[in-house]
ModelCIF file with pLDDT and N, C-alpha, C, O atoms, coordinates in Angstrom:
data_MODEL
#
_entry.id   MODEL 
#
_entity.id                         1 
_entity.type                       polymer 
_entity.pdbx_number_of_molecules   1 
#
_entity_poly.entity_id                      1 
_entity_poly.type                           'polypeptide(L)' 
_entity_poly.nstd_linkage                   no 
_entity_poly.nstd_monomer                   no 
_entity_poly.pdbx_seq_one_letter_code       GSAGQVLDTVRERARKARDTLLIYYAGHGLTDPHTDELSR 
_entity_poly.pdbx_seq_one_letter_code_can   GSAGQVLDTVRERARKARDTLLIYYAGHGLTDPHTDELSR 
_entity_poly.pdbx_strand_id                 A 
#
loop_
_entity_poly_seq.entity_id 
_entity_poly_seq.num 
_entity_poly_seq.mon_id 
_entity_poly_seq.hetero 
1 1  GLY n 
1 2  SER n 
1 3  ALA n 
1 4  GLY n 
1 5  GLN n 
1 6  VAL n 
1 7  LEU n 
1 8  ASP n 
1 9  THR n 
1 10 VAL n 
1 11 ARG n 
1 12 GLU n 
1 13 ARG n 
1 14 ALA n 
1 15 ARG n 
1 16 LYS n 
1 17 ALA n 
1 18 ARG n 
1 19 ASP n 
1 20 THR n 
1 21 LEU n 
1 22 LEU n 
1 23 ILE n 
1 24 TYR n 
1 25 TYR n 
1 26 ALA n 
1 27 GLY n 
1 28 HIS n 
1 29 GLY n 
1 30 LEU n 
1 31 THR n 
1 32 ASP n 
1 33 PRO n 
1 34 HIS n 
1 35 THR n 
1 36 ASP n 
1 37 GLU n 
1 38 LEU n 
1 39 SER n 
1 40 ARG n 
#
_struct_asym.id          A 
_struct_asym.entity_id   1 
#
loop_
_ma_qa_metric.id 
_ma_qa_metric.mode 
_ma_qa_metric.name 
_ma_qa_metric.software_group_id 
_ma_qa_metric.type 
1 global pLDDT . pLDDT 
2 local  pLDDT . pLDDT 
#
_ma_qa_metric_global.metric_id      1 
_ma_qa_metric_global.metric_value   88.22 
_ma_qa_metric_global.model_id       1 
_ma_qa_metric_global.ordinal_id     1 
#
loop_
_ma_qa_metric_local.label_asym_id 
_ma_qa_metric_local.label_comp_id 
_ma_qa_metric_local.label_seq_id 
_ma_qa_metric_local.metric_id 
_ma_qa_metric_local.metric_value 
_ma_qa_metric_local.model_id 
_ma_qa_metric_local.ordinal_id 
A GLY 1  2 85.00 1 1  
A SER 2  2 86.00 1 2  
A ALA 3  2 85.00 1 3  
A GLY 4  2 92.00 1 4  
A GLN 5  2 94.00 1 5  
A VAL 6  2 93.00 1 6  
A LEU 7  2 95.00 1 7  
A ASP 8  2 97.00 1 8  
A THR 9  2 98.00 1 9  
A VAL 10 2 97.00 1 10 
A ARG 11 2 98.00 1 11 
A GLU 12 2 98.00 1 12 
A ARG 13 2 98.00 1 13 
A ALA 14 2 98.00 1 14 
A ARG 15 2 98.00 1 15 
A LYS 16 2 98.00 1 16 
A ALA 17 2 98.00 1 17 
A ARG 18 2 97.00 1 18 
A ASP 19 2 97.00 1 19 
A THR 20 2 97.00 1 20 
A LEU 21 2 98.00 1 21 
A LEU 22 2 98.00 1 22 
A ILE 23 2 97.00 1 23 
A TYR 24 2 96.00 1 24 
A TYR 25 2 92.00 1 25 
A ALA 26 2 91.00 1 26 
A GLY 27 2 85.00 1 27 
A HIS 28 2 77.00 1 28 
A GLY 29 2 71.00 1 29 
A LEU 30 2 68.00 1 30 
A THR 31 2 76.00 1 31 
A ASP 32 2 76.00 1 32 
A PRO 33 2 80.00 1 33 
A HIS 34 2 85.00 1 34 
A THR 35 2 86.00 1 35 
A ASP 36 2 81.00 1 36 
A GLU 37 2 77.00 1 37 
A LEU 38 2 67.00 1 38 
A SER 39 2 67.00 1 39 
A ARG 40 2 62.00 1 40 
#
loop_
_atom_site.group_PDB 
_atom_site.id 
_atom_site.type_symbol 
_atom_site.label_atom_id 
_atom_site.label_alt_id 
_atom_site.label_comp_id 
_atom_site.label_asym_id 
_atom_site.label_entity_id 
_atom_site.label_seq_id 
_atom_site.pdbx_PDB_ins_code 
_atom_site.Cartn_x 
_atom_site.Cartn_y 
_atom_site.Cartn_z 
_atom_site.occupancy 
_atom_site.B_iso_or_equiv 
_atom_site.pdbx_formal_charge 
_atom_site.auth_seq_id 
_atom_site.auth_comp_id 
_atom_site.auth_asym_id 
_atom_site.auth_atom_id 
_atom_site.pdbx_PDB_model_num 
ATOM 1   N N  . GLY A 1 1  ? 150.311 -85.597 99.495  1.00 85.00 ? 1  GLY A N  1 
ATOM 2   C CA . GLY A 1 1  ? 149.305 -86.522 99.987  1.00 85.00 ? 1  GLY A CA 1 
ATOM 3   C C  . GLY A 1 1  ? 147.877 -86.106 99.720  1.00 85.00 ? 1  GLY A C  1 
ATOM 4   O O  . GLY A 1 1  ? 146.983 -86.951 99.672  1.00 85.00 ? 1  GLY A O  1 
ATOM 5   N N  . SER A 1 2  ? 147.648 -84.809 99.545  1.00 86.00 ? 2  SER A N  1 
ATOM 6   C CA . SER A 1 2  ? 146.281 -84.337 99.316  1.00 86.00 ? 2  SER A CA 1 
ATOM 7   C C  . SER A 1 2  ? 146.311 -82.938 98.713  1.00 86.00 ? 2  SER A C  1 
ATOM 8   O O  . SER A 1 2  ? 147.321 -82.237 98.774  1.00 86.00 ? 2  SER A O  1 
ATOM 9   N N  . ALA A 1 3  ? 145.186 -82.551 98.131  1.00 85.00 ? 3  ALA A N  1 
ATOM 10  C CA . ALA A 1 3  ? 145.057 -81.186 97.637  1.00 85.00 ? 3  ALA A CA 1 
ATOM 11  C C  . ALA A 1 3  ? 145.147 -80.215 98.809  1.00 85.00 ? 3  ALA A C  1 
ATOM 12  O O  . ALA A 1 3  ? 145.696 -79.122 98.674  1.00 85.00 ? 3  ALA A O  1 
ATOM 13  N N  . GLY A 1 4  ? 144.611 -80.612 99.954  1.00 92.00 ? 4  GLY A N  1 
ATOM 14  C CA . GLY A 1 4  ? 144.684 -79.775 101.140 1.00 92.00 ? 4  GLY A CA 1 
ATOM 15  C C  . GLY A 1 4  ? 146.111 -79.487 101.563 1.00 92.00 ? 4  GLY A C  1 
ATOM 16  O O  . GLY A 1 4  ? 146.420 -78.375 101.991 1.00 92.00 ? 4  GLY A O  1 
ATOM 17  N N  . GLN A 1 5  ? 146.985 -80.480 101.448 1.00 94.00 ? 5  GLN A N  1 
ATOM 18  C CA . GLN A 1 5  ? 148.393 -80.278 101.792 1.00 94.00 ? 5  GLN A CA 1 
ATOM 19  C C  . GLN A 1 5  ? 149.006 -79.208 100.891 1.00 94.00 ? 5  GLN A C  1 
ATOM 20  O O  . GLN A 1 5  ? 149.751 -78.347 101.360 1.00 94.00 ? 5  GLN A O  1 
ATOM 21  N N  . VAL A 1 6  ? 148.696 -79.264 99.611  1.00 93.00 ? 6  VAL A N  1 
ATOM 22  C CA . VAL A 1 6  ? 149.223 -78.272 98.667  1.00 93.00 ? 6  VAL A CA 1 
ATOM 23  C C  . VAL A 1 6  ? 148.689 -76.889 99.028  1.00 93.00 ? 6  VAL A C  1 
ATOM 24  O O  . VAL A 1 6  ? 149.459 -75.934 99.138  1.00 93.00 ? 6  VAL A O  1 
ATOM 25  N N  . LEU A 1 7  ? 147.376 -76.778 99.214  1.00 95.00 ? 7  LEU A N  1 
ATOM 26  C CA . LEU A 1 7  ? 146.769 -75.482 99.518  1.00 95.00 ? 7  LEU A CA 1 
ATOM 27  C C  . LEU A 1 7  ? 147.267 -74.922 100.850 1.00 95.00 ? 7  LEU A C  1 
ATOM 28  O O  . LEU A 1 7  ? 147.536 -73.725 100.953 1.00 95.00 ? 7  LEU A O  1 
ATOM 29  N N  . ASP A 1 8  ? 147.393 -75.767 101.860 1.00 97.00 ? 8  ASP A N  1 
ATOM 30  C CA . ASP A 1 8  ? 147.902 -75.310 103.157 1.00 97.00 ? 8  ASP A CA 1 
ATOM 31  C C  . ASP A 1 8  ? 149.328 -74.784 103.029 1.00 97.00 ? 8  ASP A C  1 
ATOM 32  O O  . ASP A 1 8  ? 149.670 -73.752 103.606 1.00 97.00 ? 8  ASP A O  1 
ATOM 33  N N  . THR A 1 9  ? 150.149 -75.493 102.278 1.00 98.00 ? 9  THR A N  1 
ATOM 34  C CA . THR A 1 9  ? 151.538 -75.072 102.086 1.00 98.00 ? 9  THR A CA 1 
ATOM 35  C C  . THR A 1 9  ? 151.601 -73.744 101.334 1.00 98.00 ? 9  THR A C  1 
ATOM 36  O O  . THR A 1 9  ? 152.365 -72.854 101.709 1.00 98.00 ? 9  THR A O  1 
ATOM 37  N N  . VAL A 1 10 ? 150.809 -73.608 100.282 1.00 97.00 ? 10 VAL A N  1 
ATOM 38  C CA . VAL A 1 10 ? 150.799 -72.352 99.525  1.00 97.00 ? 10 VAL A CA 1 
ATOM 39  C C  . VAL A 1 10 ? 150.341 -71.204 100.424 1.00 97.00 ? 10 VAL A C  1 
ATOM 40  O O  . VAL A 1 10 ? 150.944 -70.131 100.406 1.00 97.00 ? 10 VAL A O  1 
ATOM 41  N N  . ARG A 1 11 ? 149.287 -71.415 101.208 1.00 98.00 ? 11 ARG A N  1 
ATOM 42  C CA . ARG A 1 11 ? 148.807 -70.355 102.114 1.00 98.00 ? 11 ARG A CA 1 
ATOM 43  C C  . ARG A 1 11 ? 149.882 -69.957 103.134 1.00 98.00 ? 11 ARG A C  1 
ATOM 44  O O  . ARG A 1 11 ? 150.100 -68.774 103.395 1.00 98.00 ? 11 ARG A O  1 
ATOM 45  N N  . GLU A 1 12 ? 150.546 -70.964 103.703 1.00 98.00 ? 12 GLU A N  1 
ATOM 46  C CA . GLU A 1 12 ? 151.589 -70.701 104.692 1.00 98.00 ? 12 GLU A CA 1 
ATOM 47  C C  . GLU A 1 12 ? 152.722 -69.882 104.085 1.00 98.00 ? 12 GLU A C  1 
ATOM 48  O O  . GLU A 1 12 ? 153.180 -68.905 104.676 1.00 98.00 ? 12 GLU A O  1 
ATOM 49  N N  . ARG A 1 13 ? 153.164 -70.285 102.909 1.00 98.00 ? 13 ARG A N  1 
ATOM 50  C CA . ARG A 1 13 ? 154.268 -69.588 102.249 1.00 98.00 ? 13 ARG A CA 1 
ATOM 51  C C  . ARG A 1 13 ? 153.849 -68.202 101.768 1.00 98.00 ? 13 ARG A C  1 
ATOM 52  O O  . ARG A 1 13 ? 154.663 -67.279 101.759 1.00 98.00 ? 13 ARG A O  1 
ATOM 53  N N  . ALA A 1 14 ? 152.597 -68.048 101.372 1.00 98.00 ? 14 ALA A N  1 
ATOM 54  C CA . ALA A 1 14 ? 152.094 -66.739 100.951 1.00 98.00 ? 14 ALA A CA 1 
ATOM 55  C C  . ALA A 1 14 ? 152.118 -65.766 102.130 1.00 98.00 ? 14 ALA A C  1 
ATOM 56  O O  . ALA A 1 14 ? 152.432 -64.590 101.947 1.00 98.00 ? 14 ALA A O  1 
ATOM 57  N N  . ARG A 1 15 ? 151.795 -66.232 103.319 1.00 98.00 ? 15 ARG A N  1 
ATOM 58  C CA . ARG A 1 15 ? 151.834 -65.371 104.501 1.00 98.00 ? 15 ARG A CA 1 
ATOM 59  C C  . ARG A 1 15 ? 153.261 -64.933 104.822 1.00 98.00 ? 15 ARG A C  1 
ATOM 60  O O  . ARG A 1 15 ? 153.472 -63.830 105.327 1.00 98.00 ? 15 ARG A O  1 
ATOM 61  N N  . LYS A 1 16 ? 154.245 -65.792 104.532 1.00 98.00 ? 16 LYS A N  1 
ATOM 62  C CA . LYS A 1 16 ? 155.643 -65.467 104.832 1.00 98.00 ? 16 LYS A CA 1 
ATOM 63  C C  . LYS A 1 16 ? 156.277 -64.563 103.779 1.00 98.00 ? 16 LYS A C  1 
ATOM 64  O O  . LYS A 1 16 ? 157.164 -63.770 104.096 1.00 98.00 ? 16 LYS A O  1 
ATOM 65  N N  . ALA A 1 17 ? 155.832 -64.675 102.536 1.00 98.00 ? 17 ALA A N  1 
ATOM 66  C CA . ALA A 1 17 ? 156.446 -63.917 101.445 1.00 98.00 ? 17 ALA A CA 1 
ATOM 67  C C  . ALA A 1 17 ? 156.181 -62.422 101.602 1.00 98.00 ? 17 ALA A C  1 
ATOM 68  O O  . ALA A 1 17 ? 155.044 -62.008 101.828 1.00 98.00 ? 17 ALA A O  1 
ATOM 69  N N  . ARG A 1 18 ? 157.212 -61.631 101.486 1.00 97.00 ? 18 ARG A N  1 
ATOM 70  C CA . ARG A 1 18 ? 157.087 -60.174 101.538 1.00 97.00 ? 18 ARG A CA 1 
ATOM 71  C C  . ARG A 1 18 ? 157.443 -59.550 100.191 1.00 97.00 ? 18 ARG A C  1 
ATOM 72  O O  . ARG A 1 18 ? 157.304 -58.341 100.008 1.00 97.00 ? 18 ARG A O  1 
ATOM 73  N N  . ASP A 1 19 ? 157.898 -60.367 99.260  1.00 97.00 ? 19 ASP A N  1 
ATOM 74  C CA . ASP A 1 19 ? 158.234 -59.868 97.930  1.00 97.00 ? 19 ASP A CA 1 
ATOM 75  C C  . ASP A 1 19 ? 157.542 -60.751 96.892  1.00 97.00 ? 19 ASP A C  1 
ATOM 76  O O  . ASP A 1 19 ? 156.487 -60.383 96.378  1.00 97.00 ? 19 ASP A O  1 
ATOM 77  N N  . THR A 1 20 ? 158.117 -61.902 96.580  1.00 97.00 ? 20 THR A N  1 
ATOM 78  C CA . THR A 1 20 ? 157.594 -62.758 95.524  1.00 97.00 ? 20 THR A CA 1 
ATOM 79  C C  . THR A 1 20 ? 157.191 -64.119 96.082  1.00 97.00 ? 20 THR A C  1 
ATOM 80  O O  . THR A 1 20 ? 157.883 -64.686 96.928  1.00 97.00 ? 20 THR A O  1 
ATOM 81  N N  . LEU A 1 21 ? 156.068 -64.631 95.597  1.00 98.00 ? 21 LEU A N  1 
ATOM 82  C CA . LEU A 1 21 ? 155.659 -66.007 95.879  1.00 98.00 ? 21 LEU A CA 1 
ATOM 83  C C  . LEU A 1 21 ? 155.649 -66.733 94.547  1.00 98.00 ? 21 LEU A C  1 
ATOM 84  O O  . LEU A 1 21 ? 154.857 -66.409 93.662  1.00 98.00 ? 21 LEU A O  1 
ATOM 85  N N  . LEU A 1 22 ? 156.523 -67.711 94.405  1.00 98.00 ? 22 LEU A N  1 
ATOM 86  C CA . LEU A 1 22 ? 156.607 -68.506 93.190  1.00 98.00 ? 22 LEU A CA 1 
ATOM 87  C C  . LEU A 1 22 ? 155.944 -69.853 93.451  1.00 98.00 ? 22 LEU A C  1 
ATOM 88  O O  . LEU A 1 22 ? 156.306 -70.561 94.391  1.00 98.00 ? 22 LEU A O  1 
ATOM 89  N N  . ILE A 1 23 ? 154.975 -70.201 92.617  1.00 97.00 ? 23 ILE A N  1 
ATOM 90  C CA . ILE A 1 23 ? 154.317 -71.505 92.708  1.00 97.00 ? 23 ILE A CA 1 
ATOM 91  C C  . ILE A 1 23 ? 154.550 -72.215 91.380  1.00 97.00 ? 23 ILE A C  1 
ATOM 92  O O  . ILE A 1 23 ? 154.243 -71.681 90.314  1.00 97.00 ? 23 ILE A O  1 
ATOM 93  N N  . TYR A 1 24 ? 155.096 -73.422 91.461  1.00 96.00 ? 24 TYR A N  1 
ATOM 94  C CA . TYR A 1 24 ? 155.415 -74.211 90.268  1.00 96.00 ? 24 TYR A CA 1 
ATOM 95  C C  . TYR A 1 24 ? 154.717 -75.556 90.382  1.00 96.00 ? 24 TYR A C  1 
ATOM 96  O O  . TYR A 1 24 ? 154.801 -76.220 91.416  1.00 96.00 ? 24 TYR A O  1 
ATOM 97  N N  . TYR A 1 25 ? 154.028 -75.958 89.319  1.00 92.00 ? 25 TYR A N  1 
ATOM 98  C CA . TYR A 1 25 ? 153.386 -77.271 89.268  1.00 92.00 ? 25 TYR A CA 1 
ATOM 99  C C  . TYR A 1 25 ? 153.889 -78.009 88.043  1.00 92.00 ? 25 TYR A C  1 
ATOM 100 O O  . TYR A 1 25 ? 153.923 -77.458 86.942  1.00 92.00 ? 25 TYR A O  1 
ATOM 101 N N  . ALA A 1 26 ? 154.277 -79.250 88.239  1.00 91.00 ? 26 ALA A N  1 
ATOM 102 C CA . ALA A 1 26 ? 154.658 -80.113 87.125  1.00 91.00 ? 26 ALA A CA 1 
ATOM 103 C C  . ALA A 1 26 ? 153.883 -81.421 87.258  1.00 91.00 ? 26 ALA A C  1 
ATOM 104 O O  . ALA A 1 26 ? 153.849 -82.027 88.329  1.00 91.00 ? 26 ALA A O  1 
ATOM 105 N N  . GLY A 1 27 ? 153.270 -81.843 86.173  1.00 85.00 ? 27 GLY A N  1 
ATOM 106 C CA . GLY A 1 27 ? 152.493 -83.073 86.166  1.00 85.00 ? 27 GLY A CA 1 
ATOM 107 C C  . GLY A 1 27 ? 151.562 -83.061 84.968  1.00 85.00 ? 27 GLY A C  1 
ATOM 108 O O  . GLY A 1 27 ? 151.655 -82.190 84.104  1.00 85.00 ? 27 GLY A O  1 
ATOM 109 N N  . HIS A 1 28 ? 150.677 -84.020 84.924  1.00 77.00 ? 28 HIS A N  1 
ATOM 110 C CA . HIS A 1 28 ? 149.722 -84.103 83.836  1.00 77.00 ? 28 HIS A CA 1 
ATOM 111 C C  . HIS A 1 28 ? 148.673 -83.009 83.926  1.00 77.00 ? 28 HIS A C  1 
ATOM 112 O O  . HIS A 1 28 ? 148.323 -82.546 85.012  1.00 77.00 ? 28 HIS A O  1 
ATOM 113 N N  . GLY A 1 29 ? 148.186 -82.612 82.782  1.00 71.00 ? 29 GLY A N  1 
ATOM 114 C CA . GLY A 1 29 ? 147.042 -81.713 82.698  1.00 71.00 ? 29 GLY A CA 1 
ATOM 115 C C  . GLY A 1 29 ? 146.013 -82.351 81.784  1.00 71.00 ? 29 GLY A C  1 
ATOM 116 O O  . GLY A 1 29 ? 146.368 -83.069 80.849  1.00 71.00 ? 29 GLY A O  1 
ATOM 117 N N  . LEU A 1 30 ? 144.750 -82.096 82.046  1.00 68.00 ? 30 LEU A N  1 
ATOM 118 C CA . LEU A 1 30 ? 143.671 -82.642 81.226  1.00 68.00 ? 30 LEU A CA 1 
ATOM 119 C C  . LEU A 1 30 ? 142.783 -81.500 80.739  1.00 68.00 ? 30 LEU A C  1 
ATOM 120 O O  . LEU A 1 30 ? 142.621 -80.494 81.430  1.00 68.00 ? 30 LEU A O  1 
ATOM 121 N N  . THR A 1 31 ? 142.220 -81.658 79.566  1.00 76.00 ? 31 THR A N  1 
ATOM 122 C CA . THR A 1 31 ? 141.318 -80.660 79.007  1.00 76.00 ? 31 THR A CA 1 
ATOM 123 C C  . THR A 1 31 ? 139.883 -81.143 79.131  1.00 76.00 ? 31 THR A C  1 
ATOM 124 O O  . THR A 1 31 ? 139.566 -82.278 78.776  1.00 76.00 ? 31 THR A O  1 
ATOM 125 N N  . ASP A 1 32 ? 139.016 -80.270 79.640  1.00 76.00 ? 32 ASP A N  1 
ATOM 126 C CA . ASP A 1 32 ? 137.597 -80.587 79.736  1.00 76.00 ? 32 ASP A CA 1 
ATOM 127 C C  . ASP A 1 32 ? 137.027 -80.631 78.321  1.00 76.00 ? 32 ASP A C  1 
ATOM 128 O O  . ASP A 1 32 ? 137.163 -79.658 77.580  1.00 76.00 ? 32 ASP A O  1 
ATOM 129 N N  . PRO A 1 33 ? 136.389 -81.741 77.929  1.00 80.00 ? 33 PRO A N  1 
ATOM 130 C CA . PRO A 1 33 ? 135.902 -81.865 76.548  1.00 80.00 ? 33 PRO A CA 1 
ATOM 131 C C  . PRO A 1 33 ? 134.764 -80.898 76.212  1.00 80.00 ? 33 PRO A C  1 
ATOM 132 O O  . PRO A 1 33 ? 134.486 -80.672 75.034  1.00 80.00 ? 33 PRO A O  1 
ATOM 133 N N  . HIS A 1 34 ? 134.108 -80.329 77.208  1.00 85.00 ? 34 HIS A N  1 
ATOM 134 C CA . HIS A 1 34 ? 132.989 -79.421 76.961  1.00 85.00 ? 34 HIS A CA 1 
ATOM 135 C C  . HIS A 1 34 ? 133.396 -77.954 76.967  1.00 85.00 ? 34 HIS A C  1 
ATOM 136 O O  . HIS A 1 34 ? 132.813 -77.142 76.248  1.00 85.00 ? 34 HIS A O  1 
ATOM 137 N N  . THR A 1 35 ? 134.389 -77.613 77.770  1.00 86.00 ? 35 THR A N  1 
ATOM 138 C CA . THR A 1 35 ? 134.762 -76.204 77.913  1.00 86.00 ? 35 THR A CA 1 
ATOM 139 C C  . THR A 1 35 ? 136.162 -75.890 77.412  1.00 86.00 ? 35 THR A C  1 
ATOM 140 O O  . THR A 1 35 ? 136.525 -74.721 77.282  1.00 86.00 ? 35 THR A O  1 
ATOM 141 N N  . ASP A 1 36 ? 136.949 -76.914 77.130  1.00 81.00 ? 36 ASP A N  1 
ATOM 142 C CA . ASP A 1 36 ? 138.354 -76.759 76.746  1.00 81.00 ? 36 ASP A CA 1 
ATOM 143 C C  . ASP A 1 36 ? 139.215 -76.151 77.851  1.00 81.00 ? 36 ASP A C  1 
ATOM 144 O O  . ASP A 1 36 ? 140.343 -75.728 77.596  1.00 81.00 ? 36 ASP A O  1 
ATOM 145 N N  . GLU A 1 37 ? 138.692 -76.105 79.073  1.00 77.00 ? 37 GLU A N  1 
ATOM 146 C CA . GLU A 1 37 ? 139.487 -75.604 80.187  1.00 77.00 ? 37 GLU A CA 1 
ATOM 147 C C  . GLU A 1 37 ? 140.513 -76.655 80.590  1.00 77.00 ? 37 GLU A C  1 
ATOM 148 O O  . GLU A 1 37 ? 140.234 -77.854 80.599  1.00 77.00 ? 37 GLU A O  1 
ATOM 149 N N  . LEU A 1 38 ? 141.689 -76.181 80.918  1.00 67.00 ? 38 LEU A N  1 
ATOM 150 C CA . LEU A 1 38 ? 142.769 -77.058 81.337  1.00 67.00 ? 38 LEU A CA 1 
ATOM 151 C C  . LEU A 1 38 ? 142.758 -77.180 82.854  1.00 67.00 ? 38 LEU A C  1 
ATOM 152 O O  . LEU A 1 38 ? 142.616 -76.185 83.564  1.00 67.00 ? 38 LEU A O  1 
ATOM 153 N N  . SER A 1 39 ? 142.908 -78.399 83.344  1.00 67.00 ? 39 SER A N  1 
ATOM 154 C CA . SER A 1 39 ? 143.031 -78.614 84.784  1.00 67.00 ? 39 SER A CA 1 
ATOM 155 C C  . SER A 1 39 ? 144.163 -79.596 85.029  1.00 67.00 ? 39 SER A C  1 
ATOM 156 O O  . SER A 1 39 ? 144.543 -80.365 84.146  1.00 67.00 ? 39 SER A O  1 
ATOM 157 N N  . ARG A 1 40 ? 144.686 -79.555 86.226  1.00 62.00 ? 40 ARG A N  1 
ATOM 158 C CA . ARG A 1 40 ? 145.776 -80.484 86.531  1.00 62.00 ? 40 ARG A CA 1 
ATOM 159 C C  . ARG A 1 40 ? 145.181 -81.839 86.861  1.00 62.00 ? 40 ARG A C  1 
ATOM 160 O O  . ARG A 1 40 ? 145.918 -82.782 87.150  1.00 62.00 ? 40 ARG A O  1 
#
């Protein structure tokens, strides 16, 4: 529903993880025409 929901979930899971935190994103990515940086 929001970027905040994603960030809150990642923070919550990061606090629980004692070994590995795996974050996976699937979706479109766009390239900034001025910097060539990739963003989701």
